[in-house]
Protein backbone atom coordinates (compact mmCIF):
# COMPACT_ATOMS: atom_id res chain seq x y z
CA MET A 1 -0.26 -0.10 0.17
CA LYS A 2 0.70 3.28 -0.96
CA THR A 3 0.01 6.46 0.50
CA TYR A 4 -1.54 9.69 -0.88
CA LEU A 5 -1.35 12.95 0.87
CA LEU A 6 -3.14 16.09 -0.69
CA GLU A 7 -1.58 19.05 -2.15
CA LEU A 8 -3.01 22.12 -0.68
CA LYS A 9 -1.70 25.20 -2.25
CA VAL A 10 -0.21 28.74 -0.18
CA LYS A 11 -1.76 32.38 0.18
CA ASP A 12 -0.15 34.52 -2.03
CA THR A 13 -0.31 38.08 -1.08
CA GLU A 14 0.49 42.17 -1.72
CA SER A 15 3.50 43.52 -1.05
CA ILE A 16 4.00 46.09 1.99
CA ASP A 17 6.38 48.58 4.04
CA TRP A 18 6.41 47.99 7.69
CA LYS A 19 9.20 50.01 7.90
CA LYS A 20 6.63 53.15 6.53
CA GLY A 21 3.90 51.95 8.73
CA LEU A 22 5.53 51.19 12.20
CA SER A 23 7.62 55.12 11.75
CA SER A 24 4.33 56.77 11.25
CA TYR A 25 2.50 54.95 14.43
CA LEU A 26 5.20 56.02 16.19
CA ARG A 27 5.52 59.81 14.83
CA ARG A 28 1.84 60.05 15.18
CA SER A 29 1.57 57.96 18.51
CA TYR A 30 4.62 59.58 20.51
CA GLY A 31 5.10 62.95 18.68
CA SER A 32 7.97 63.74 16.12
CA GLY A 33 10.59 64.32 19.11
CA GLN A 34 10.78 61.46 20.98
CA TRP A 35 9.17 58.85 18.49
CA SER A 36 12.83 57.78 17.17
CA GLN A 37 13.97 56.10 20.71
CA PHE A 38 11.23 53.80 20.68
CA TYR A 39 12.38 52.48 16.69
CA ASP A 40 14.70 50.09 15.66
CA GLU A 41 15.65 50.38 12.06
CA ASN A 42 17.35 47.00 12.25
CA LEU A 43 14.85 45.30 13.79
CA THR A 44 12.20 46.90 11.00
CA ASP A 45 14.38 46.11 8.28
CA GLU A 46 14.46 42.51 9.72
CA PHE A 47 10.44 42.62 9.81
CA ASP A 48 10.72 43.43 5.76
CA ARG A 49 13.15 40.88 4.91
CA LEU A 50 10.99 38.02 6.71
CA ARG A 51 8.03 38.42 5.33
CA HIS A 52 9.12 38.95 1.36
CA ASN A 53 11.13 35.55 2.50
CA ALA A 54 8.22 33.75 3.94
CA ASN A 55 6.44 34.99 0.55
CA GLY A 56 9.32 34.15 -2.05
CA GLU A 57 9.96 31.15 -3.48
CA LEU A 58 12.84 29.30 -1.77
CA ALA A 59 12.53 25.51 -0.56
CA CYS A 60 10.19 23.96 1.12
CA GLU A 61 11.68 24.16 4.27
CA ALA A 62 13.67 27.26 4.23
CA LEU A 63 10.05 28.73 3.11
CA LEU A 64 8.82 26.99 6.45
CA GLU A 65 11.07 28.53 8.53
CA GLN A 66 11.30 32.17 7.85
CA ASN A 67 7.07 31.91 7.55
CA LEU A 68 7.52 30.41 11.39
CA LEU A 69 10.29 33.24 12.38
CA TYR A 70 7.59 35.69 10.99
CA TYR A 71 4.48 34.32 12.98
CA ALA A 72 6.79 34.78 16.16
CA TYR A 73 7.02 38.31 14.47
CA LEU A 74 3.74 39.16 13.79
CA GLU A 75 2.79 37.18 17.84
CA HIS A 76 4.84 39.82 19.15
CA LEU A 77 3.35 43.21 17.00
CA HIS A 78 0.17 41.82 18.05
CA LEU A 79 0.42 41.61 22.12
CA ARG A 80 2.04 45.31 22.17
CA LEU A 81 -1.20 46.69 19.63
CA GLY A 82 -4.18 44.13 20.32
CA ASN A 83 -7.21 45.93 18.85
CA ASN A 84 -5.35 48.44 17.76
CA SER A 85 -3.82 47.84 14.33
CA ALA A 86 -5.85 49.69 11.88
CA GLN A 87 -3.98 52.60 13.60
CA LEU A 88 -0.70 51.52 11.74
CA LYS A 89 -2.46 52.43 8.28
CA LEU A 90 -1.34 49.02 7.04
CA GLU A 91 -3.98 47.37 3.69
CA PHE A 92 -2.82 44.13 4.16
CA THR A 93 -4.40 42.24 0.77
CA TRP A 94 -3.97 38.05 0.18
CA TYR A 95 -5.62 35.96 -2.44
CA ASP A 96 -7.41 32.44 -1.69
CA ALA A 97 -5.31 29.90 -3.05
CA GLU A 98 -5.71 28.77 -6.42
CA TYR A 99 -6.20 25.94 -7.45
CA GLY A 100 -6.80 26.06 -11.30
CA SER A 101 -6.48 29.07 -14.07
CA TYR A 102 -9.24 29.08 -15.34
CA ASN A 103 -10.46 31.28 -12.46
CA LYS A 104 -8.90 34.12 -10.81
CA ALA A 105 -8.10 34.64 -6.96
CA GLN A 106 -10.50 36.03 -4.96
CA LYS A 107 -8.58 39.13 -3.77
CA TYR A 108 -9.06 40.67 0.28
CA SER A 109 -7.71 43.43 2.23
CA GLN A 110 -8.29 44.94 5.30
CA ARG A 111 -6.21 46.82 7.78
CA THR A 112 -6.24 44.62 10.46
CA LEU A 113 -3.63 42.81 11.59
CA ALA A 114 -5.78 39.60 12.06
CA LEU A 115 -6.13 38.85 8.27
CA GLU A 116 -2.29 39.73 8.44
CA LYS A 117 -1.89 36.29 11.66
CA SER A 118 -4.47 33.82 9.78
CA CYS A 119 -3.32 34.24 6.27
CA THR A 120 -0.11 33.36 7.63
CA LEU A 121 -0.61 30.15 10.01
CA TYR A 122 -2.89 28.78 7.16
CA ASN A 123 0.28 28.90 5.17
CA ILE A 124 2.31 27.85 7.48
CA GLY A 125 -0.63 24.73 7.76
CA VAL A 126 0.26 24.33 4.04
CA LEU A 127 4.00 24.03 4.04
CA TYR A 128 4.08 21.30 6.67
CA THR A 129 1.63 19.22 4.77
CA GLN A 130 4.35 19.71 1.86
CA VAL A 131 7.43 19.37 3.92
CA ALA A 132 5.27 15.96 4.67
CA LYS A 133 5.00 15.29 1.25
CA GLU A 134 8.78 15.86 0.91
CA LYS A 135 9.54 13.36 3.24
CA LEU A 136 7.75 10.40 2.76
CA SER A 137 9.81 8.42 1.24
CA ASP A 138 12.60 8.56 3.88
CA ASP A 139 11.47 9.24 7.37
CA TYR A 140 7.31 8.81 7.95
CA LYS A 141 7.62 9.88 11.59
CA LYS A 142 8.56 13.09 10.44
CA SER A 143 5.80 13.32 7.94
CA ILE A 144 3.19 12.73 10.43
CA GLY A 145 4.87 14.73 13.29
CA CYS A 146 4.99 17.96 10.08
CA LEU A 147 1.20 16.75 9.96
CA SER A 148 0.48 16.85 13.65
CA LYS A 149 1.72 20.01 13.61
CA ALA A 150 -0.78 21.17 10.11
CA THR A 151 -3.57 19.63 11.81
CA ALA A 152 -2.50 22.26 15.05
CA CYS A 153 -2.90 24.79 12.63
CA PHE A 154 -6.08 24.49 11.11
CA GLU A 155 -7.64 23.81 14.34
CA TYR A 156 -5.97 26.99 15.54
CA LEU A 157 -7.36 28.28 12.36
CA SER A 158 -10.87 27.34 12.59
CA GLU A 159 -11.40 27.95 16.80
CA ASN A 160 -10.32 31.95 16.75
CA PHE A 161 -10.69 33.73 13.63
CA LEU A 162 -13.87 33.24 13.15
CA ASN A 163 -14.52 36.57 11.32
CA SER A 164 -12.42 36.02 8.30
CA PRO A 165 -12.95 37.53 5.10
CA SER A 166 -11.20 34.82 3.07
CA THR A 167 -13.38 31.87 2.15
CA ASP A 168 -10.15 29.84 2.44
CA LEU A 169 -10.30 30.66 5.99
CA LEU A 170 -14.07 30.19 6.92
CA SER A 171 -14.13 27.69 9.68
CA SER A 172 -16.16 25.12 7.83
CA ASN A 173 -13.39 25.31 5.34
CA THR A 174 -9.74 24.89 7.98
CA LYS A 175 -12.21 22.01 9.96
CA PHE A 176 -12.06 20.27 7.26
CA LEU A 177 -8.23 20.96 6.79
CA GLN A 178 -7.49 20.22 9.80
CA ASN A 179 -9.91 16.77 9.46
CA MET A 180 -8.10 16.25 6.22
CA CYS A 181 -4.33 16.37 7.79
CA PHE A 182 -4.49 14.48 10.66
CA SER A 183 -6.76 11.48 8.68
CA GLU A 184 -3.84 11.82 6.30
CA GLY A 185 -0.96 11.57 10.05
CA GLN A 186 -2.88 8.23 10.97
CA GLU A 187 -2.70 6.47 7.79
CA LEU A 188 1.10 7.30 8.18
CA PHE A 189 1.45 5.86 11.16
CA LEU A 190 -1.21 2.87 10.18
CA GLN A 191 1.23 1.88 7.44
CA LYS A 192 4.15 2.58 9.32
CA LEU A 193 2.79 -0.31 11.89
CA ILE A 194 2.02 -2.61 9.29
CA ASN A 195 5.27 -1.95 7.51
CA GLY A 196 7.01 -2.26 10.85
CA ALA A 197 9.54 -5.23 11.33
CA THR A 198 6.40 -7.20 14.14
CA PRO A 199 3.00 -6.39 12.36
CA SER A 200 1.51 -9.59 14.05
CA LYS A 201 1.91 -7.86 17.51
CA GLN A 202 0.33 -4.44 16.34
CA ALA A 203 -2.63 -6.74 15.12
CA SER A 204 -5.48 -5.04 17.28
CA LEU A 205 -3.83 -1.14 17.05
CA ILE A 206 -3.30 -1.95 13.44
CA SER A 207 -7.54 -3.05 13.22
CA LYS A 208 -8.55 -0.24 15.48
CA LEU A 209 -6.70 2.38 13.38
CA ALA A 210 -7.66 0.31 9.73
CA TYR A 211 -11.06 0.59 10.82
């Protein structure tokens, strides 16, 4: 038996200028005389670089790493801004994942950090499934771990981002992707047991998983 993992596509986005958004926000908040005390140009450059790399053309594992780092930056920024992210005056624009050339992907724009976070996390979940597929012939354990993390990403999205305009991020869709990734991981674990050295000793567990 050979396991087949469904291929998911990442969401595309349009570029933004974190340096401009953050410096303007600090000027408005602290005044032209003091804002620079709270501004770190090197960190802002890193923020812009991470977003560019996270949505670039890197190899799958490198792309996943950049997305994870970028999401960590977004979490720290969200902790400081809370629900005031619209004050950044940045337009976050994302497209639904495109699975064919016959129809153009729908575009969504908002000034809320929640859209940026949710779309980045969606891509992280998708990238985990892509890494799982790449590692399938080499390491079932690595693939199972990646699918488990993808499951957690989509579960978190389905429970915490309920008002997104994006079709990809509808709770019913992310819940479906959660269940799909969980099922694929479970199937890989079953295959690992069947192809193991002593499958007869795992007969009870194999039958339950197969059922």
